[in-house]
Amino acid sequence: MEDVFHSCCAGLDIHQKVIVACVLRSTEGKKRPEKAFGSFETTTRGLFELSDWLASYEVTHISMESTGVYWKCVWRILQNQFELQLANPRHIKNIPGKKTDMKDAEWIARLTRLGVVPTSFVPPEPIQELRDLTRYRKHLVEDLNREKNRGHMVLQNAGIKLTSVMKDIYGKSGRALLYVLIENKTIAESLILKSVYTTLRRKVPQLMDALEGFMNPHYRKMLALHLTQIECLEKQIQEVEETINDYLTPYEEYVERLEEIPGINRRTAAVVLAEIGIDMSVFPTSGHLASWAGASPGNNQSAGKTRSKRVRKGNSYLKKVLAQGALAVSKGKKNRIQAFFFRVRRNAGHKKAVVATVHLLLRIIYRMLSDQSRYKELGETYLQNRENPLTATH
């Protein structure tokens, strides 16, 4: 006989326009639970009707799939009245051949009734808002890089070779020269000297050669459009960063602690807090956090053979920003994390060293947020001393 964890629960199959709900309620003297189905619109009015309908059956626990962003409004309206669980669709996939909205909702309700729904992490609302901002900043930065590459392509098509002389053509000196090209001014040494700064003033002859090309009206217009878009994106990024700083005000203490870890700056700390929050009780161990982020090796064995140990996808936003931190550590000052990175790289290669270092950073972050402790640098010889206790200093 099945062990029932929740005597009255519901499963929701959420779509863009409609929600199909199934309620399972245990009754005395009957082995099988009573079923009730309902279909509701995803408008605000429809969601409140869903809430009243579930309350009429005295539902206590509800599970739903994390379908795109459609679950968020449902969660917001139901969270104060019911115990909610969000599940990855891959973890509660229905039996093949039984694919209808009503059967999907019933399947989710059955899994909820037995208490076998793997729950996904849903942070509190302030953290969700911070997450929206940090993710949007990432997308804006990616858009900015793409727009800069498009501007670079225009210059190459026009025979302008500024990138051969200067590293950043979108810096103060580079932009001044780009506007010289856009405004179709006559290239002269005196004009270049007025436009460039620092050591570039010694490269006037090379800049004169690099600016010779085929800047016809079409290329000037294209370059002007790209430069306008670049400046617009930079302004948006600055505005988003200011908003993120406002959201970080209540979490300044946590930001300061995270910044003590090598490889983590303020921007990285903001992403870490936005993705995992400050309450580590939602992750039973640091290993669960690393697995959720996609920084743990796969566990795939069959017939005594170990198959691929490739890491899962996990949280790409968190994993990517910590991977950048791991690379920064490898090029910075000597410390325990850097020593760990080079040790793994020597034995397993560069990519695995990055993932292993991300795993280490997550374990350190988990410990610091769980214990409300600060980072303690153990030194670059920490691993050697741990392997050889007799050589460790006391």
Foldseek 3Di string as FASTA:
>chain_A
DADFDFQWAKEWEDDQFKIKMWIFHDDPPDPGTDIDIDMFTLPPVRLVVVLVVSVVSVHAEYEYEPDPPSCVVNCVVCVVPHHYFYAHCVQQPDDPPQDDNNSSGVSRRVCVRRVNGDGDDDDDDLLQVLLVLLVVLVVLVVVLVVLVVQLVVLLVVFQQQVCVPDVDLPDQLNVLVLVCLLVVPDDDLVSSCVRDDDPCNVVSVVNSVNGDGRSDNVSSVSNVVSNVVNVVSVVVSVVSVVVSVVSCVVVVLQLVQLCVDQLDHNSLSSNVCSVCNLDLVVQVALVSVLLQQQLFFQADDDPRDGDGRHTDNHNVSNLVSQLNSLVNNCPDDFFCLNLQLVVCCVPPNNVNSSSVSSSVSSNVSSVCSVVVHHDDTPGSCNVVCVVPVVPDDD
